[in-house]
């Protein structure tokens, strides 16, 4: 009989995990999108279908990245449940804790917003929204918010969730124009433009699981049984 090598074991784990993740993400995404289309009676174009497929592909990569992380920790643990808990903990940190921490750090660095948060009401510059009237925000506050976003984004860039969000947000449209309320415009870039402008985010999202898979492979295949 043919002996089972360590390489075969970890290769089987990786292939089966990738297959399960791909199938699960594809079915769940297509099901939810189909239900939304039926409920809202939205006309779907070929461009929409391509964007959805690209979105599913990057969602699979993100999920597989967390699997690669869990697989890496499993090589140092005798129980798979331990690596699963660690993987879930890291996901919770990246998804929920890090955004809060980054905003808090940015606020500590910049301090509170300027006292004159909004410009004095000017009848010729008011923005109408329904029955309510909002003043345009002062340039000082806009600069403060830009710096706040820059610092927060710099910290969150250490998370793969951040790069995934940057890609998917650009894929389905992004906001342009001044930050004043009522002055923003939503535009949608072509898929080729999104992929070319987000190449750094894409590379990080792809390289992350590759690094941990390679590390897991090296540790698992070279570890000696006690």
Protein backbone atom coordinates (compact mmCIF):
# COMPACT_ATOMS: atom_id res chain seq x y z
CA UNK A 1 0.00 0.00 0.00
CA UNK A 2 1.12 3.54 -0.71
CA UNK A 3 2.30 5.39 2.42
CA UNK A 4 0.64 8.67 3.33
CA UNK A 5 3.14 11.50 3.49
CA UNK A 6 2.82 14.71 5.44
CA UNK A 7 2.68 16.64 2.18
CA UNK A 8 -0.40 14.69 1.15
CA UNK A 9 -2.15 15.45 4.45
CA UNK A 10 -1.68 19.21 4.36
CA UNK A 11 -2.33 19.39 0.61
CA UNK A 12 -5.61 17.56 1.15
CA UNK A 13 -6.56 19.97 3.94
CA UNK A 14 -5.82 23.01 1.79
CA UNK A 15 -7.62 21.75 -1.31
CA UNK A 16 -10.70 20.58 0.59
CA UNK A 17 -10.89 23.84 2.57
CA UNK A 18 -10.60 25.93 -0.59
CA UNK A 19 -13.32 23.87 -2.27
CA UNK A 20 -15.69 24.17 0.70
CA UNK A 21 -15.06 27.91 1.09
CA UNK A 22 -15.54 28.56 -2.63
CA UNK A 23 -18.74 26.54 -2.81
CA UNK A 24 -20.17 28.06 0.36
CA UNK A 25 -19.36 31.65 -0.58
CA UNK A 26 -20.63 31.24 -4.14
CA UNK A 27 -23.94 29.64 -3.13
CA UNK A 28 -24.64 32.02 -0.24
CA UNK A 29 -23.73 35.13 -2.24
CA UNK A 30 -25.74 34.14 -5.30
CA UNK A 31 -28.71 33.15 -3.15
CA UNK A 32 -28.77 36.44 -1.22
CA UNK A 33 -28.26 38.50 -4.37
CA UNK A 34 -30.99 36.59 -6.21
CA UNK A 35 -33.45 37.18 -3.38
CA UNK A 36 -32.59 40.90 -3.32
CA UNK A 37 -33.09 41.17 -7.07
CA UNK A 38 -36.47 39.45 -6.90
CA UNK A 39 -37.67 41.53 -3.95
CA UNK A 40 -36.59 44.87 -5.40
CA UNK A 41 -37.24 43.99 -9.06
CA UNK A 42 -33.83 45.25 -10.17
CA UNK A 43 -32.66 44.87 -13.76
CA UNK A 44 -29.26 43.15 -13.82
CA UNK A 45 -26.76 43.94 -16.56
CA UNK A 46 -23.74 41.97 -17.73
CA UNK A 47 -21.49 44.45 -15.93
CA UNK A 48 -23.38 43.79 -12.69
CA UNK A 49 -22.89 40.04 -13.09
CA UNK A 50 -19.16 40.47 -13.65
CA UNK A 51 -18.89 42.73 -10.59
CA UNK A 52 -20.73 40.16 -8.49
CA UNK A 53 -18.38 37.40 -9.68
CA UNK A 54 -15.34 39.54 -8.85
CA UNK A 55 -16.85 40.32 -5.45
CA UNK A 56 -17.37 36.60 -4.75
CA UNK A 57 -13.78 35.87 -5.82
CA UNK A 58 -12.32 38.40 -3.38
CA UNK A 59 -14.69 37.17 -0.65
CA UNK A 60 -13.33 33.66 -1.17
CA UNK A 61 -9.76 34.97 -0.93
CA UNK A 62 -10.57 36.78 2.34
CA UNK A 63 -12.19 33.68 3.86
CA UNK A 64 -9.31 31.50 2.68
CA UNK A 65 -6.84 33.97 4.21
CA UNK A 66 -8.39 33.39 7.63
CA UNK A 67 -8.29 29.64 7.03
CA UNK A 68 -4.58 29.91 6.19
CA UNK A 69 -4.08 31.79 9.44
CA UNK A 70 -5.91 29.10 11.42
CA UNK A 71 -3.96 26.37 9.63
CA UNK A 72 -0.71 28.04 10.59
CA UNK A 73 -1.65 28.12 14.28
CA UNK A 74 -2.88 24.52 14.09
CA UNK A 75 0.66 23.38 13.29
CA UNK A 76 1.68 24.49 16.80
CA UNK A 77 -1.36 23.08 18.59
CA UNK A 78 -2.38 19.51 19.27
CA UNK A 79 -6.08 20.46 19.13
CA UNK A 80 -7.70 21.97 16.07
CA UNK A 81 -10.24 23.74 18.29
CA UNK A 82 -7.45 25.92 19.70
CA UNK A 83 -6.43 27.17 16.26
CA UNK A 84 -10.08 27.77 15.38
CA UNK A 85 -10.58 29.90 18.49
CA UNK A 86 -7.41 31.86 17.72
CA UNK A 87 -8.55 32.42 14.14
CA UNK A 88 -11.97 33.65 15.26
CA UNK A 89 -10.31 35.91 17.82
CA UNK A 90 -8.08 37.47 15.16
CA UNK A 91 -11.09 37.99 12.89
CA UNK A 92 -12.99 39.71 15.71
CA UNK A 93 -9.98 41.93 16.37
CA UNK A 94 -9.59 42.93 12.71
CA UNK A 95 -13.32 43.36 12.07
CA UNK A 96 -14.49 45.10 15.24
CA UNK A 97 -11.75 46.06 17.67
CA UNK A 98 -9.13 47.55 15.32
CA UNK A 99 -11.53 50.09 13.71
CA UNK A 100 -12.49 51.34 17.18
CA UNK A 101 -8.87 51.48 18.31
CA UNK A 102 -7.78 53.29 15.13
CA UNK A 103 -10.48 55.93 15.57
CA UNK A 104 -9.54 56.37 19.22
CA UNK A 105 -5.84 56.76 18.38
CA UNK A 106 -6.63 59.28 15.65
CA UNK A 107 -8.76 61.28 18.08
CA UNK A 108 -6.00 61.23 20.71
CA UNK A 109 -3.40 62.38 18.17
CA UNK A 110 -5.49 65.21 16.71
CA UNK A 111 -7.46 66.14 19.78
CA UNK A 112 -11.10 67.28 19.76
CA UNK A 113 -12.57 68.89 16.62
CA UNK A 114 -12.29 72.66 16.19
CA UNK A 115 -14.67 74.72 18.29
CA UNK A 116 -16.31 76.26 15.26
CA UNK A 117 -17.46 72.92 13.88
CA UNK A 118 -19.77 74.49 11.31
CA UNK A 119 -19.86 77.80 9.55
CA UNK A 120 -22.41 80.42 10.54
CA UNK A 121 -25.73 79.97 8.78
CA UNK A 122 -25.55 81.68 5.44
CA UNK A 123 -28.81 81.98 3.55
CA UNK A 124 -27.05 81.78 0.19
CA UNK A 125 -25.06 78.65 1.07
CA UNK A 126 -27.56 76.50 2.95
CA UNK A 127 -28.16 72.96 1.76
CA UNK A 128 -31.78 71.81 1.68
CA UNK A 129 -32.77 68.27 2.63
CA UNK A 130 -36.50 67.65 2.88
CA UNK A 131 -37.97 69.95 5.52
CA UNK A 132 -34.64 70.45 7.25
CA UNK A 133 -31.84 72.92 6.57
CA UNK A 134 -28.17 72.16 7.21
CA UNK A 135 -25.25 74.62 7.15
CA UNK A 136 -22.16 73.89 5.13
CA UNK A 137 -19.32 72.63 7.26
CA UNK A 138 -16.32 74.86 7.73
CA UNK A 139 -13.10 74.16 5.88
CA UNK A 140 -11.37 73.76 9.23
CA UNK A 141 -13.66 70.89 10.19
CA UNK A 142 -13.26 69.26 6.78
CA UNK A 143 -9.47 69.27 7.15
CA UNK A 144 -9.83 67.81 10.63
CA UNK A 145 -11.99 64.98 9.31
CA UNK A 146 -9.58 64.27 6.46
CA UNK A 147 -6.66 63.95 8.88
CA UNK A 148 -8.79 61.81 11.19
CA UNK A 149 -9.60 59.47 8.31
CA UNK A 150 -5.97 59.32 7.15
CA UNK A 151 -4.66 58.30 10.57
CA UNK A 152 -7.44 55.78 11.11
CA UNK A 153 -6.92 54.26 7.65
CA UNK A 154 -3.17 54.00 8.19
CA UNK A 155 -3.73 51.93 11.33
CA UNK A 156 -6.43 49.77 9.76
CA UNK A 157 -4.20 49.04 6.78
CA UNK A 158 -2.54 46.34 8.91
CA UNK A 159 -5.82 44.40 8.64
CA UNK A 160 -6.73 42.32 5.60
CA UNK A 161 -10.36 43.33 6.19
CA UNK A 162 -9.40 46.92 5.39
CA UNK A 163 -7.90 45.99 2.01
CA UNK A 164 -10.90 43.79 1.21
CA UNK A 165 -13.26 46.65 2.02
CA UNK A 166 -11.24 49.06 -0.13
CA UNK A 167 -11.58 46.72 -3.10
CA UNK A 168 -15.27 45.91 -2.72
CA UNK A 169 -16.23 49.53 -1.98
CA UNK A 170 -14.53 50.68 -5.16
CA UNK A 171 -16.09 47.78 -7.06
CA UNK A 172 -19.65 48.82 -6.29
CA UNK A 173 -19.16 52.58 -6.35
CA UNK A 174 -17.41 55.25 -4.36
CA UNK A 175 -18.14 58.75 -3.20
CA UNK A 176 -16.55 61.80 -4.82
CA UNK A 177 -16.84 65.51 -4.33
CA UNK A 178 -16.60 67.77 -1.27
CA UNK A 179 -17.42 66.43 2.15
CA UNK A 180 -20.18 68.92 2.86
CA UNK A 181 -23.57 67.42 3.45
CA UNK A 182 -25.53 67.23 0.23
CA UNK A 183 -22.48 67.86 -1.98
CA UNK A 184 -21.32 64.28 -2.54
CA UNK A 185 -21.75 62.45 -5.79
CA UNK A 186 -21.77 58.68 -6.21
CA UNK A 187 -19.94 57.35 -9.24
CA UNK A 188 -19.04 53.86 -10.41
CA UNK A 189 -15.66 53.11 -11.96
CA UNK A 190 -15.12 50.39 -14.54
CA UNK A 191 -13.91 47.01 -13.32
CA UNK A 192 -10.54 47.45 -15.04
CA UNK A 193 -10.11 50.82 -13.32
CA UNK A 194 -10.95 49.34 -9.93
CA UNK A 195 -8.48 46.48 -10.37
CA UNK A 196 -5.72 48.80 -11.56
CA UNK A 197 -6.18 51.44 -8.85
CA UNK A 198 -6.51 48.85 -6.07
CA UNK A 199 -3.57 46.70 -7.15
CA UNK A 200 -1.77 47.18 -3.81
CA UNK A 201 -4.84 46.06 -1.84
CA UNK A 202 -5.28 43.08 -4.16
CA UNK A 203 -1.66 42.01 -3.81
CA UNK A 204 -1.80 42.22 -0.01
CA UNK A 205 -5.02 40.20 0.06
CA UNK A 206 -3.46 37.50 -2.13
CA UNK A 207 0.01 37.42 -0.56
CA UNK A 208 -1.36 37.14 3.00
CA UNK A 209 -2.74 33.58 2.68
CA UNK A 210 0.20 32.49 0.52
CA UNK A 211 2.68 33.48 3.24
CA UNK A 212 0.80 31.63 5.97
CA UNK A 213 0.20 28.59 3.76
CA UNK A 214 3.90 28.40 2.96
CA UNK A 215 4.80 28.77 6.64
CA UNK A 216 2.25 26.11 7.61
CA UNK A 217 3.55 23.78 4.92
CA UNK A 218 7.14 24.15 6.06
CA UNK A 219 6.35 23.66 9.75
CA UNK A 220 3.95 20.76 9.21
CA UNK A 221 6.16 18.79 6.85
CA UNK A 222 9.34 19.23 8.89
CA UNK A 223 7.89 18.66 12.33
CA UNK A 224 8.99 15.40 13.89
CA UNK A 225 6.51 13.22 15.67
CA UNK A 226 7.32 12.76 19.33
